[in-house]
PDB file of N, CA and C in Angstrom:
ATOM      1  N   GLN A   1      20.733 -42.313-121.586  1.00  0.00           N
ATOM      2  CA  GLN A   1      19.818 -41.137-121.029  1.00  0.00           C
ATOM      3  C   GLN A   1      18.960 -41.125-120.496  1.00  0.00           C
ATOM      4  N   VAL A   2      17.996 -40.127-119.812  1.00  0.00           N
ATOM      5  CA  VAL A   2      16.471 -40.362-119.023  1.00  0.00           C
ATOM      6  C   VAL A   2      15.499 -40.579-120.407  1.00  0.00           C
ATOM      7  N   GLN A   3      14.366 -40.867-120.087  1.00  0.00           N
ATOM      8  CA  GLN A   3      13.380 -41.068-120.884  1.00  0.00           C
ATOM      9  C   GLN A   3      12.220 -40.582-120.590  1.00  0.00           C
ATOM     10  N   LEU A   4      11.483 -39.427-120.646  1.00  0.00           N
ATOM     11  CA  LEU A   4      10.465 -38.715-119.618  1.00  0.00           C
ATOM     12  C   LEU A   4       9.129 -39.327-120.542  1.00  0.00           C
ATOM     13  N   VAL A   5       7.982 -39.745-119.634  1.00  0.00           N
ATOM     14  CA  VAL A   5       6.811 -39.876-120.198  1.00  0.00           C
ATOM     15  C   VAL A   5       5.683 -39.100-119.675  1.00  0.00           C
ATOM     16  N   GLU A   6       4.668 -38.188-120.012  1.00  0.00           N
ATOM     17  CA  GLU A   6       3.426 -37.772-119.364  1.00  0.00           C
ATOM     18  C   GLU A   6       2.457 -37.932-119.024  1.00  0.00           C
ATOM     19  N   SER A   7       1.702 -37.690-118.694  1.00  0.00           N
ATOM     20  CA  SER A   7      -0.215 -38.462-118.431  1.00  0.00           C
ATOM     21  C   SER A   7      -0.301 -37.493-117.810  1.00  0.00           C
ATOM     22  N   GLY A   8      -1.617 -37.422-117.622  1.00  0.00           N
ATOM     23  CA  GLY A   8      -3.101 -36.559-117.261  1.00  0.00           C
ATOM     24  C   GLY A   8      -3.402 -35.403-117.308  1.00  0.00           C
ATOM     25  N   GLY A   9      -2.990 -35.536-118.320  1.00  0.00           N
ATOM     26  CA  GLY A   9      -3.640 -34.497-119.105  1.00  0.00           C
ATOM     27  C   GLY A   9      -5.120 -33.903-119.661  1.00  0.00           C
ATOM     28  N   GLY A  10      -6.029 -33.596-119.745  1.00  0.00           N
ATOM     29  CA  GLY A  10      -7.623 -33.387-120.436  1.00  0.00           C
ATOM     30  C   GLY A  10      -7.962 -32.308-120.540  1.00  0.00           C
ATOM     31  N   LEU A  11      -9.284 -32.567-120.802  1.00  0.00           N
ATOM     32  CA  LEU A  11     -10.242 -31.682-120.791  1.00  0.00           C
ATOM     33  C   LEU A  11     -11.077 -31.339-119.237  1.00  0.00           C
ATOM     34  N   VAL A  12     -11.154 -29.655-118.956  1.00  0.00           N
ATOM     35  CA  VAL A  12     -11.912 -29.293-117.685  1.00  0.00           C
ATOM     36  C   VAL A  12     -12.114 -27.855-117.955  1.00  0.00           C
ATOM     37  N   GLN A  13     -12.905 -27.565-116.804  1.00  0.00           N
ATOM     38  CA  GLN A  13     -13.546 -26.178-117.205  1.00  0.00           C
ATOM     39  C   GLN A  13     -12.713 -25.510-116.627  1.00  0.00           C
ATOM     40  N   ALA A  14     -12.717 -24.028-116.631  1.00  0.00           N
ATOM     41  CA  ALA A  14     -12.211 -23.095-115.930  1.00  0.00           C
ATOM     42  C   ALA A  14     -12.512 -23.053-114.699  1.00  0.00           C
ATOM     43  N   GLY A  15     -11.185 -22.871-113.598  1.00  0.00           N
ATOM     44  CA  GLY A  15     -11.675 -23.223-112.065  1.00  0.00           C
ATOM     45  C   GLY A  15     -11.418 -24.388-111.467  1.00  0.00           C
ATOM     46  N   ASP A  16     -11.446 -25.647-112.588  1.00  0.00           N
ATOM     47  CA  ASP A  16     -10.928 -27.125-112.118  1.00  0.00           C
ATOM     48  C   ASP A  16      -9.721 -26.895-111.795  1.00  0.00           C
ATOM     49  N   SER A  17      -9.607 -28.469-111.296  1.00  0.00           N
ATOM     50  CA  SER A  17      -8.065 -29.060-111.231  1.00  0.00           C
ATOM     51  C   SER A  17      -7.518 -30.616-112.100  1.00  0.00           C
ATOM     52  N   LEU A  18      -6.399 -30.235-112.409  1.00  0.00           N
ATOM     53  CA  LEU A  18      -5.538 -31.652-113.160  1.00  0.00           C
ATOM     54  C   LEU A  18      -4.663 -31.913-111.838  1.00  0.00           C
ATOM     55  N   ARG A  19      -3.853 -32.925-112.221  1.00  0.00           N
ATOM     56  CA  ARG A  19      -2.315 -33.534-111.622  1.00  0.00           C
ATOM     57  C   ARG A  19      -1.729 -33.945-112.679  1.00  0.00           C
ATOM     58  N   LEU A  20      -0.853 -33.203-113.716  1.00  0.00           N
ATOM     59  CA  LEU A  20      -0.030 -34.092-114.604  1.00  0.00           C
ATOM     60  C   LEU A  20       1.304 -34.917-113.958  1.00  0.00           C
ATOM     61  N   SER A  21       1.193 -35.849-114.404  1.00  0.00           N
ATOM     62  CA  SER A  21       2.479 -36.805-113.543  1.00  0.00           C
ATOM     63  C   SER A  21       3.733 -36.909-115.266  1.00  0.00           C
ATOM     64  N   CYS A  22       5.196 -37.154-114.744  1.00  0.00           N
ATOM     65  CA  CYS A  22       6.161 -37.115-115.549  1.00  0.00           C
ATOM     66  C   CYS A  22       7.025 -38.409-114.682  1.00  0.00           C
ATOM     67  N   ALA A  23       6.778 -39.743-115.568  1.00  0.00           N
ATOM     68  CA  ALA A  23       7.639 -40.824-115.275  1.00  0.00           C
ATOM     69  C   ALA A  23       8.932 -40.724-115.935  1.00  0.00           C
ATOM     70  N   ALA A  24       9.900 -40.668-115.135  1.00  0.00           N
ATOM     71  CA  ALA A  24      11.587 -40.516-115.937  1.00  0.00           C
ATOM     72  C   ALA A  24      11.920 -42.637-115.718  1.00  0.00           C
ATOM     73  N   SER A  25      12.496 -42.612-116.823  1.00  0.00           N
ATOM     74  CA  SER A  25      12.939 -44.200-116.767  1.00  0.00           C
ATOM     75  C   SER A  25      14.616 -44.195-117.575  1.00  0.00           C
ATOM     76  N   ARG A  26      14.821 -45.538-117.549  1.00  0.00           N
ATOM     77  CA  ARG A  26      16.350 -45.940-117.787  1.00  0.00           C
ATOM     78  C   ARG A  26      17.272 -45.056-116.812  1.00  0.00           C
ATOM     79  N   ARG A  27      17.161 -43.518-116.603  1.00  0.00           N
ATOM     80  CA  ARG A  27      18.263 -43.098-115.815  1.00  0.00           C
ATOM     81  C   ARG A  27      17.508 -42.419-114.477  1.00  0.00           C
ATOM     82  N   PRO A  28      17.914 -42.533-112.604  1.00  0.00           N
ATOM     83  CA  PRO A  28      17.523 -42.305-111.695  1.00  0.00           C
ATOM     84  C   PRO A  28      17.149 -40.574-112.300  1.00  0.00           C
ATOM     85  N   ALA A  29      15.770 -40.491-111.725  1.00  0.00           N
ATOM     86  CA  ALA A  29      15.238 -38.942-111.644  1.00  0.00           C
ATOM     87  C   ALA A  29      16.175 -37.858-110.982  1.00  0.00           C
ATOM     88  N   SER A  30      16.212 -38.669-110.134  1.00  0.00           N
ATOM     89  CA  SER A  30      17.286 -37.760-108.804  1.00  0.00           C
ATOM     90  C   SER A  30      18.129 -37.262-109.524  1.00  0.00           C
ATOM     91  N   ALA A  31      18.952 -37.819-110.803  1.00  0.00           N
ATOM     92  CA  ALA A  31      20.267 -36.892-111.694  1.00  0.00           C
ATOM     93  C   ALA A  31      19.950 -35.784-112.024  1.00  0.00           C
ATOM     94  N   TYR A  32      18.668 -35.094-111.950  1.00  0.00           N
ATOM     95  CA  TYR A  32      17.931 -34.145-112.736  1.00  0.00           C
ATOM     96  C   TYR A  32      17.309 -33.376-112.274  1.00  0.00           C
ATOM     97  N   VAL A  33      17.880 -31.810-112.533  1.00  0.00           N
ATOM     98  CA  VAL A  33      16.911 -30.674-112.573  1.00  0.00           C
ATOM     99  C   VAL A  33      15.744 -30.824-113.581  1.00  0.00           C
ATOM    100  N   MET A  34      14.472 -30.634-113.035  1.00  0.00           N
ATOM    101  CA  MET A  34      13.388 -31.020-114.029  1.00  0.00           C
ATOM    102  C   MET A  34      12.522 -30.046-113.995  1.00  0.00           C
ATOM    103  N   ALA A  35      11.392 -29.872-114.788  1.00  0.00           N
ATOM    104  CA  ALA A  35      10.536 -28.681-115.163  1.00  0.00           C
ATOM    105  C   ALA A  35       9.326 -29.042-115.963  1.00  0.00           C
ATOM    106  N   TRP A  36       8.640 -28.692-115.984  1.00  0.00           N
ATOM    107  CA  TRP A  36       7.569 -28.392-117.281  1.00  0.00           C
ATOM    108  C   TRP A  36       7.003 -27.137-117.723  1.00  0.00           C
ATOM    109  N   PHE A  37       7.394 -27.512-119.059  1.00  0.00           N
ATOM    110  CA  PHE A  37       6.835 -26.420-120.130  1.00  0.00           C
ATOM    111  C   PHE A  37       5.392 -26.726-120.767  1.00  0.00           C
ATOM    112  N   ARG A  38       4.929 -25.826-121.234  1.00  0.00           N
ATOM    113  CA  ARG A  38       3.850 -25.811-122.073  1.00  0.00           C
ATOM    114  C   ARG A  38       4.121 -24.737-123.276  1.00  0.00           C
ATOM    115  N   GLN A  39       2.900 -25.248-124.118  1.00  0.00           N
ATOM    116  CA  GLN A  39       3.109 -24.469-125.596  1.00  0.00           C
ATOM    117  C   GLN A  39       1.534 -24.696-125.993  1.00  0.00           C
ATOM    118  N   ALA A  40       1.382 -23.287-126.334  1.00  0.00           N
ATOM    119  CA  ALA A  40      -0.022 -22.905-126.908  1.00  0.00           C
ATOM    120  C   ALA A  40       0.048 -23.013-128.587  1.00  0.00           C
ATOM    121  N   PRO A  41      -1.186 -23.591-129.714  1.00  0.00           N
ATOM    122  CA  PRO A  41      -0.880 -23.254-130.413  1.00  0.00           C
ATOM    123  C   PRO A  41      -0.495 -21.424-131.020  1.00  0.00           C
ATOM    124  N   GLY A  42       1.037 -21.912-131.960  1.00  0.00           N
ATOM    125  CA  GLY A  42       1.106 -20.635-132.699  1.00  0.00           C
ATOM    126  C   GLY A  42       2.016 -19.778-131.689  1.00  0.00           C
ATOM    127  N   LYS A  43       2.114 -20.288-130.212  1.00  0.00           N
ATOM    128  CA  LYS A  43       2.992 -19.490-129.625  1.00  0.00           C
ATOM    129  C   LYS A  43       4.398 -20.592-129.212  1.00  0.00           C
ATOM    130  N   GLU A  44       5.313 -19.937-128.340  1.00  0.00           N
ATOM    131  CA  GLU A  44       6.414 -20.082-128.087  1.00  0.00           C
ATOM    132  C   GLU A  44       6.438 -20.852-127.100  1.00  0.00           C
ATOM    133  N   ARG A  45       7.131 -22.247-126.729  1.00  0.00           N
ATOM    134  CA  ARG A  45       7.286 -23.315-125.682  1.00  0.00           C
ATOM    135  C   ARG A  45       7.478 -22.376-124.790  1.00  0.00           C
ATOM    136  N   GLU A  46       7.187 -22.345-123.522  1.00  0.00           N
ATOM    137  CA  GLU A  46       7.500 -21.289-122.373  1.00  0.00           C
ATOM    138  C   GLU A  46       7.039 -22.509-120.420  1.00  0.00           C
ATOM    139  N   PHE A  47       8.601 -21.747-120.485  1.00  0.00           N
ATOM    140  CA  PHE A  47       8.375 -21.999-118.969  1.00  0.00           C
ATOM    141  C   PHE A  47       7.319 -22.188-117.943  1.00  0.00           C
ATOM    142  N   VAL A  48       6.944 -23.003-117.225  1.00  0.00           N
ATOM    143  CA  VAL A  48       5.787 -23.161-116.369  1.00  0.00           C
ATOM    144  C   VAL A  48       6.195 -23.075-114.799  1.00  0.00           C
ATOM    145  N   ALA A  49       7.291 -24.285-114.496  1.00  0.00           N
ATOM    146  CA  ALA A  49       7.637 -24.648-113.250  1.00  0.00           C
ATOM    147  C   ALA A  49       8.944 -25.462-113.297  1.00  0.00           C
ATOM    148  N   GLY A  50       9.746 -25.270-112.457  1.00  0.00           N
ATOM    149  CA  GLY A  50      10.818 -26.373-112.063  1.00  0.00           C
ATOM    150  C   GLY A  50      11.466 -26.563-111.403  1.00  0.00           C
ATOM    151  N   ILE A  51      12.042 -27.650-110.995  1.00  0.00           N
ATOM    152  CA  ILE A  51      12.309 -28.161-109.470  1.00  0.00           C
ATOM    153  C   ILE A  51      13.397 -29.042-109.282  1.00  0.00           C
ATOM    154  N   THR A  52      14.317 -28.668-108.724  1.00  0.00           N
ATOM    155  CA  THR A  52      15.830 -29.114-108.170  1.00  0.00           C
ATOM    156  C   THR A  52      15.977 -30.827-107.939  1.00  0.00           C
ATOM    157  N   GLN A  53      17.021 -31.279-108.055  1.00  0.00           N
ATOM    158  CA  GLN A  53      17.401 -32.543-107.906  1.00  0.00           C
ATOM    159  C   GLN A  53      16.836 -33.113-106.656  1.00  0.00           C
ATOM    160  N   SER A  54      17.160 -32.015-105.268  1.00  0.00           N
ATOM    161  CA  SER A  54      16.253 -32.739-104.159  1.00  0.00           C
ATOM    162  C   SER A  54      14.892 -32.568-103.884  1.00  0.00           C
ATOM    163  N   GLY A  55      14.403 -31.186-104.731  1.00  0.00           N
ATOM    164  CA  GLY A  55      13.110 -30.803-104.885  1.00  0.00           C
ATOM    165  C   GLY A  55      12.681 -30.204-103.557  1.00  0.00           C
ATOM    166  N   TYR A  56      14.135 -29.295-103.214  1.00  0.00           N
ATOM    167  CA  TYR A  56      13.903 -28.633-101.996  1.00  0.00           C
ATOM    168  C   TYR A  56      13.841 -26.876-102.438  1.00  0.00           C
ATOM    169  N   ASN A  57      13.525 -26.880-103.803  1.00  0.00           N
ATOM    170  CA  ASN A  57      13.810 -25.644-103.990  1.00  0.00           C
ATOM    171  C   ASN A  57      12.653 -25.392-105.569  1.00  0.00           C
ATOM    172  N   THR A  58      12.006 -24.503-105.552  1.00  0.00           N
ATOM    173  CA  THR A  58      11.085 -24.656-106.986  1.00  0.00           C
ATOM    174  C   THR A  58      11.272 -23.289-107.533  1.00  0.00           C
ATOM    175  N   VAL A  59      10.562 -23.168-108.876  1.00  0.00           N
ATOM    176  CA  VAL A  59      10.822 -21.845-109.574  1.00  0.00           C
ATOM    177  C   VAL A  59       9.543 -22.388-110.459  1.00  0.00           C
ATOM    178  N   TYR A  60       8.707 -20.760-110.452  1.00  0.00           N
ATOM    179  CA  TYR A  60       7.325 -20.790-111.262  1.00  0.00           C
ATOM    180  C   TYR A  60       7.219 -19.754-112.047  1.00  0.00           C
ATOM    181  N   ALA A  61       6.668 -19.825-113.067  1.00  0.00           N
ATOM    182  CA  ALA A  61       6.649 -18.424-114.007  1.00  0.00           C
ATOM    183  C   ALA A  61       5.237 -17.713-113.310  1.00  0.00           C
ATOM    184  N   ASP A  62       5.324 -16.374-113.516  1.00  0.00           N
ATOM    185  CA  ASP A  62       4.584 -15.511-112.469  1.00  0.00           C
ATOM    186  C   ASP A  62       3.026 -15.516-113.201  1.00  0.00           C
ATOM    187  N   SER A  63       2.540 -16.401-114.096  1.00  0.00           N
ATOM    188  CA  SER A  63       1.375 -16.385-114.464  1.00  0.00           C
ATOM    189  C   SER A  63       0.956 -18.269-114.083  1.00  0.00           C
ATOM    190  N   VAL A  64       1.696 -18.780-112.995  1.00  0.00           N
ATOM    191  CA  VAL A  64       1.137 -19.853-112.656  1.00  0.00           C
ATOM    192  C   VAL A  64       1.289 -19.908-111.045  1.00  0.00           C
ATOM    193  N   LYS A  65       1.847 -18.626-110.849  1.00  0.00           N
ATOM    194  CA  LYS A  65       2.106 -18.631-108.926  1.00  0.00           C
ATOM    195  C   LYS A  65       1.333 -18.720-108.747  1.00  0.00           C
ATOM    196  N   GLY A  66       0.921 -19.242-107.108  1.00  0.00           N
ATOM    197  CA  GLY A  66      -0.314 -19.450-106.563  1.00  0.00           C
ATOM    198  C   GLY A  66      -1.273 -20.481-107.218  1.00  0.00           C
ATOM    199  N   ARG A  67      -1.160 -21.391-107.832  1.00  0.00           N
ATOM    200  CA  ARG A  67      -1.975 -22.080-108.496  1.00  0.00           C
ATOM    201  C   ARG A  67      -1.510 -23.305-108.958  1.00  0.00           C
ATOM    202  N   PHE A  68      -0.387 -23.337-109.320  1.00  0.00           N
ATOM    203  CA  PHE A  68       0.265 -24.601-109.670  1.00  0.00           C
ATOM    204  C   PHE A  68       1.337 -25.188-108.366  1.00  0.00           C
ATOM    205  N   THR A  69       1.292 -26.315-108.500  1.00  0.00           N
ATOM    206  CA  THR A  69       2.485 -26.833-107.641  1.00  0.00           C
ATOM    207  C   THR A  69       3.803 -28.056-108.068  1.00  0.00           C
ATOM    208  N   ILE A  70       4.886 -27.760-108.222  1.00  0.00           N
ATOM    209  CA  ILE A  70       5.838 -28.649-108.783  1.00  0.00           C
ATOM    210  C   ILE A  70       6.007 -29.657-107.806  1.00  0.00           C
ATOM    211  N   SER A  71       6.104 -30.588-107.643  1.00  0.00           N
ATOM    212  CA  SER A  71       6.644 -31.574-106.797  1.00  0.00           C
ATOM    213  C   SER A  71       7.254 -32.910-107.818  1.00  0.00           C
ATOM    214  N   ARG A  72       7.938 -33.891-106.600  1.00  0.00           N
ATOM    215  CA  ARG A  72       8.535 -34.788-107.662  1.00  0.00           C
ATOM    216  C   ARG A  72       8.857 -35.951-106.205  1.00  0.00           C
ATOM    217  N   ASP A  73       9.072 -37.016-106.504  1.00  0.00           N
ATOM    218  CA  ASP A  73       9.043 -38.374-105.757  1.00  0.00           C
ATOM    219  C   ASP A  73      10.383 -38.914-106.359  1.00  0.00           C
ATOM    220  N   ASN A  74      11.407 -39.051-105.889  1.00  0.00           N
ATOM    221  CA  ASN A  74      12.730 -39.531-106.610  1.00  0.00           C
ATOM    222  C   ASN A  74      13.296 -41.099-106.100  1.00  0.00           C
ATOM    223  N   THR A  75      11.954 -41.748-105.050  1.00  0.00           N
ATOM    224  CA  THR A  75      12.034 -43.034-104.805  1.00  0.00           C
ATOM    225  C   THR A  75      11.142 -43.881-106.169  1.00  0.00           C
ATOM    226  N   LYS A  76      10.004 -43.021-106.434  1.00  0.00           N
ATOM    227  CA  LYS A  76       9.570 -43.356-107.528  1.00  0.00           C
ATOM    228  C   LYS A  76       9.806 -42.862-109.048  1.00  0.00           C
ATOM    229  N   ASN A  77      10.970 -42.335-109.014  1.00  0.00           N
ATOM    230  CA  ASN A  77      11.169 -41.380-110.511  1.00  0.00           C
ATOM    231  C   ASN A  77      10.468 -40.810-110.677  1.00  0.00           C
ATOM    232  N   MET A  78       9.535 -40.511-110.515  1.00  0.00           N
ATOM    233  CA  MET A  78       8.220 -39.187-110.774  1.00  0.00           C
ATOM    234  C   MET A  78       8.266 -38.173-110.564  1.00  0.00           C
ATOM    235  N   MET A  79       7.704 -37.027-111.203  1.00  0.00           N
ATOM    236  CA  MET A  79       7.691 -35.778-111.175  1.00  0.00           C
ATOM    237  C   MET A  79       5.980 -35.167-111.627  1.00  0.00           C
ATOM    238  N   TYR A  80       5.370 -34.531-110.596  1.00  0.00           N
ATOM    239  CA  TYR A  80       4.305 -34.063-110.673  1.00  0.00           C
ATOM    240  C   TYR A  80       4.005 -32.560-111.001  1.00  0.00           C
ATOM    241  N   LEU A  81       2.831 -31.745-111.615  1.00  0.00           N
ATOM    242  CA  LEU A  81       2.617 -30.350-111.424  1.00  0.00           C
ATOM    243  C   LEU A  81       0.788 -30.601-111.113  1.00  0.00           C
ATOM    244  N   GLN A  82       0.856 -30.116-110.109  1.00  0.00           N
ATOM    245  CA  GLN A  82      -0.991 -29.796-109.624  1.00  0.00           C
ATOM    246  C   GLN A  82      -1.472 -28.387-109.848  1.00  0.00           C
ATOM    247  N   MET A  83      -2.215 -28.459-110.869  1.00  0.00           N
ATOM    248  CA  MET A  83      -2.741 -27.066-111.200  1.00  0.00           C
ATOM    249  C   MET A  83      -4.360 -27.037-110.426  1.00  0.00           C
ATOM    250  N   ASN A  84      -4.309 -25.851-110.289  1.00  0.00           N
ATOM    251  CA  ASN A  84      -5.402 -25.397-109.286  1.00  0.00           C
ATOM    252  C   ASN A  84      -6.085 -23.944-110.025  1.00  0.00           C
ATOM    253  N   ASN A  85      -7.583 -23.851-109.963  1.00  0.00           N
ATOM    254  CA  ASN A  85      -8.049 -22.909-110.668  1.00  0.00           C
ATOM    255  C   ASN A  85      -7.186 -22.586-112.173  1.00  0.00           C
ATOM    256  N   LEU A  86      -7.860 -23.624-112.758  1.00  0.00           N
ATOM    257  CA  LEU A  86      -7.284 -23.737-114.178  1.00  0.00           C
ATOM    258  C   LEU A  86      -8.255 -22.504-114.979  1.00  0.00           C
ATOM    259  N   LYS A  87      -7.384 -21.984-116.028  1.00  0.00           N
ATOM    260  CA  LYS A  87      -7.926 -20.651-116.777  1.00  0.00           C
ATOM    261  C   LYS A  87      -7.475 -21.173-117.955  1.00  0.00           C
ATOM    262  N   PRO A  88      -8.652 -20.722-118.935  1.00  0.00           N
ATOM    263  CA  PRO A  88      -8.820 -20.966-120.807  1.00  0.00           C
ATOM    264  C   PRO A  88      -7.055 -20.839-120.846  1.00  0.00           C
ATOM    265  N   GLU A  89      -6.536 -19.574-120.746  1.00  0.00           N
ATOM    266  CA  GLU A  89      -5.440 -19.463-121.059  1.00  0.00           C
ATOM    267  C   GLU A  89      -4.187 -20.269-120.585  1.00  0.00           C
ATOM    268  N   ASP A  90      -4.626 -21.520-120.031  1.00  0.00           N
ATOM    269  CA  ASP A  90      -3.452 -22.325-119.540  1.00  0.00           C
ATOM    270  C   ASP A  90      -3.486 -23.666-120.309  1.00  0.00           C
ATOM    271  N   THR A  91      -4.322 -23.227-121.473  1.00  0.00           N
ATOM    272  CA  THR A  91      -4.448 -24.388-122.349  1.00  0.00           C
ATOM    273  C   THR A  91      -3.559 -24.533-123.372  1.00  0.00           C
ATOM    274  N   ALA A  92      -2.777 -26.010-123.505  1.00  0.00           N
ATOM    275  CA  ALA A  92      -1.263 -25.736-124.328  1.00  0.00           C
ATOM    276  C   ALA A  92      -1.051 -27.424-123.572  1.00  0.00           C
ATOM    277  N   VAL A  93      -0.068 -27.792-124.745  1.00  0.00           N
ATOM    278  CA  VAL A  93       0.626 -29.171-124.715  1.00  0.00           C
ATOM    279  C   VAL A  93       1.437 -28.891-123.348  1.00  0.00           C
ATOM    280  N   TYR A  94       1.408 -29.858-122.560  1.00  0.00           N
ATOM    281  CA  TYR A  94       2.624 -29.777-121.307  1.00  0.00           C
ATOM    282  C   TYR A  94       3.717 -30.656-121.430  1.00  0.00           C
ATOM    283  N   TYR A  95       4.369 -30.387-121.519  1.00  0.00           N
ATOM    284  CA  TYR A  95       5.596 -30.976-121.581  1.00  0.00           C
ATOM    285  C   TYR A  95       7.074 -31.200-120.461  1.00  0.00           C
ATOM    286  N   CYS A  96       7.395 -32.121-119.991  1.00  0.00           N
ATOM    287  CA  CYS A  96       7.845 -32.690-119.018  1.00  0.00           C
ATOM    288  C   CYS A  96       9.599 -32.566-119.632  1.00  0.00           C
ATOM    289  N   ALA A  97      10.567 -31.921-118.877  1.00  0.00           N
ATOM    290  CA  ALA A  97      11.585 -31.541-119.150  1.00  0.00           C
ATOM    291  C   ALA A  97      12.753 -32.039-118.168  1.00  0.00           C
ATOM    292  N   ALA A  98      14.075 -32.371-118.707  1.00  0.00           N
ATOM    293  CA  ALA A  98      15.160 -33.061-117.668  1.00  0.00           C
ATOM    294  C   ALA A  98      16.272 -32.187-118.030  1.00  0.00           C
ATOM    295  N   ASP A  99      17.183 -31.664-116.689  1.00  0.00           N
ATOM    296  CA  ASP A  99      18.650 -30.952-117.039  1.00  0.00           C
ATOM    297  C   ASP A  99      19.684 -31.417-116.777  1.00  0.00           C
ATOM    298  N   SER A 100      20.572 -32.128-116.888  1.00  0.00           N
ATOM    299  CA  SER A 100      21.276 -33.247-116.448  1.00  0.00           C
ATOM    300  C   SER A 100      22.306 -32.183-115.788  1.00  0.00           C
ATOM    301  N   ARG A 101      22.473 -30.830-115.518  1.00  0.00           N
ATOM    302  CA  ARG A 101      23.191 -30.275-115.058  1.00  0.00           C
ATOM    303  C   ARG A 101      22.259 -29.641-113.278  1.00  0.00           C
ATOM    304  N   TYR A 102      23.194 -29.335-112.719  1.00  0.00           N
ATOM    305  CA  TYR A 102      23.389 -29.354-111.211  1.00  0.00           C
ATOM    306  C   TYR A 102      22.719 -27.364-110.876  1.00  0.00           C
ATOM    307  N   GLY A 103      21.730 -27.189-109.813  1.00  0.00           N
ATOM    308  CA  GLY A 103      21.800 -25.871-109.699  1.00  0.00           C
ATOM    309  C   GLY A 103      20.095 -25.357-110.201  1.00  0.00           C
ATOM    310  N   THR A 104      20.011 -24.375-109.865  1.00  0.00           N
ATOM    311  CA  THR A 104      18.627 -23.578-109.933  1.00  0.00           C
ATOM    312  C   THR A 104      17.798 -23.553-111.086  1.00  0.00           C
ATOM    313  N   PRO A 105      16.588 -24.287-111.403  1.00  0.00           N
ATOM    314  CA  PRO A 105      16.133 -24.513-112.270  1.00  0.00           C
ATOM    315  C   PRO A 105      15.894 -22.946-113.387  1.00  0.00           C
ATOM    316  N   THR A 106      16.714 -23.508-114.417  1.00  0.00           N
ATOM    317  CA  THR A 106      16.080 -22.486-115.737  1.00  0.00           C
ATOM    318  C   THR A 106      14.769 -22.215-116.430  1.00  0.00           C
ATOM    319  N   MET A 107      14.833 -20.967-117.289  1.00  0.00           N
ATOM    320  CA  MET A 107      13.199 -20.995-117.716  1.00  0.00           C
ATOM    321  C   MET A 107      13.524 -21.628-119.177  1.00  0.00           C
ATOM    322  N   MET A 108      14.971 -21.171-119.516  1.00  0.00           N
ATOM    323  CA  MET A 108      15.486 -21.480-121.004  1.00  0.00           C
ATOM    324  C   MET A 108      15.107 -22.722-121.539  1.00  0.00           C
ATOM    325  N   VAL A 109      14.653 -22.976-122.535  1.00  0.00           N
ATOM    326  CA  VAL A 109      14.085 -24.121-122.984  1.00  0.00           C
ATOM    327  C   VAL A 109      15.087 -24.942-123.591  1.00  0.00           C
ATOM    328  N   THR A 110      16.468 -24.493-124.138  1.00  0.00           N
ATOM    329  CA  THR A 110      17.357 -24.609-124.808  1.00  0.00           C
ATOM    330  C   THR A 110      18.739 -24.865-123.976  1.00  0.00           C
ATOM    331  N   ARG A 111      17.995 -24.872-122.493  1.00  0.00           N
ATOM    332  CA  ARG A 111      19.060 -25.958-121.457  1.00  0.00           C
ATOM    333  C   ARG A 111      18.619 -27.043-120.801  1.00  0.00           C
ATOM    334  N   TYR A 112      18.102 -27.662-121.290  1.00  0.00           N
ATOM    335  CA  TYR A 112      17.231 -28.933-121.108  1.00  0.00           C
ATOM    336  C   TYR A 112      17.676 -29.748-122.072  1.00  0.00           C
ATOM    337  N   ASP A 113      17.901 -31.095-121.413  1.00  0.00           N
ATOM    338  CA  ASP A 113      18.565 -32.119-122.359  1.00  0.00           C
ATOM    339  C   ASP A 113      17.625 -33.138-123.260  1.00  0.00           C
ATOM    340  N   TYR A 114      16.599 -32.940-122.127  1.00  0.00           N
ATOM    341  CA  TYR A 114      15.670 -34.347-122.581  1.00  0.00           C
ATOM    342  C   TYR A 114      14.175 -34.082-122.356  1.00  0.00           C
ATOM    343  N   TRP A 115      13.431 -34.582-123.152  1.00  0.00           N
ATOM    344  CA  TRP A 115      11.959 -33.946-123.131  1.00  0.00           C
ATOM    345  C   TRP A 115      11.109 -35.148-123.657  1.00  0.00           C
ATOM    346  N   GLY A 116       9.729 -34.964-122.967  1.00  0.00           N
ATOM    347  CA  GLY A 116       9.218 -35.516-123.064  1.00  0.00           C
ATOM    348  C   GLY A 116       7.989 -35.626-124.063  1.00  0.00           C
ATOM    349  N   GLN A 117       6.889 -36.557-124.781  1.00  0.00           N
ATOM    350  CA  GLN A 117       5.752 -36.526-126.243  1.00  0.00           C
ATOM    351  C   GLN A 117       5.193 -34.825-125.714  1.00  0.00           C
ATOM    352  N   GLY A 118       4.788 -34.876-124.858  1.00  0.00           N
ATOM    353  CA  GLY A 118       3.913 -33.960-123.957  1.00  0.00           C
ATOM    354  C   GLY A 118       2.040 -33.909-123.736  1.00  0.00           C
ATOM    355  N   THR A 119       1.482 -33.571-123.125  1.00  0.00           N
ATOM    356  CA  THR A 119       0.030 -34.181-122.849  1.00  0.00           C
ATOM    357  C   THR A 119      -0.701 -33.004-122.765  1.00  0.00           C
ATOM    358  N   GLN A 120      -1.941 -33.162-123.796  1.00  0.00           N
ATOM    359  CA  GLN A 120      -2.692 -32.022-123.562  1.00  0.00           C
ATOM    360  C   GLN A 120      -3.616 -31.474-122.701  1.00  0.00           C
ATOM    361  N   VAL A 121      -3.252 -30.199-122.348  1.00  0.00           N
ATOM    362  CA  VAL A 121      -4.340 -29.370-121.402  1.00  0.00           C
ATOM    363  C   VAL A 121      -5.299 -28.835-121.746  1.00  0.00           C
ATOM    364  N   THR A 122      -6.733 -28.812-122.153  1.00  0.00           N
ATOM    365  CA  THR A 122      -7.498 -27.922-122.334  1.00  0.00           C
ATOM    366  C   THR A 122      -8.563 -27.455-121.581  1.00  0.00           C
ATOM    367  N   VAL A 123      -8.666 -25.924-121.282  1.00  0.00           N
ATOM    368  CA  VAL A 123      -9.414 -25.529-120.176  1.00  0.00           C
ATOM    369  C   VAL A 123     -10.698 -25.016-120.973  1.00  0.00           C
ATOM    370  N   SER A 124     -11.816 -25.248-120.809  1.00  0.00           N
ATOM    371  CA  SER A 124     -12.513 -24.308-121.665  1.00  0.00           C
ATOM    372  C   SER A 124     -13.436 -22.839-120.302  1.00  0.00           C
ATOM    373  N   SER A 125     -13.974 -22.037-120.947  1.00  0.00           N
ATOM    374  CA  SER A 125     -14.989 -21.206-120.283  1.00  0.00           C
ATOM    375  C   SER A 125     -16.033 -21.535-119.662  1.00  0.00           C
TER     376      SER A 125
END
């Protein structure tokens, strides 16, 4: 099974940018649909963005469209989330997830088989 490790979180001010990274190991990242989710204190985990195995197709939550960009580099077994114009409501733990099925990334938490440990993103106003 694939192992996922996130990095790149931190404390930033509103309007700043961050890039999160997700490193996949033990299995090739190219075998998985991958996605980013986030969970704020007291809230349910929510979908942020997803990307197909090839990287050609992406899906975004409405709340991040136009600000966040998901990408992947299968040659390096890496996935990324470029986050621009960050807002305080983006504050959450961000998780990398992998789905072994082929197709369009789903927004459903339960469809993802593997998860990273999360990285904290805090945006101050």
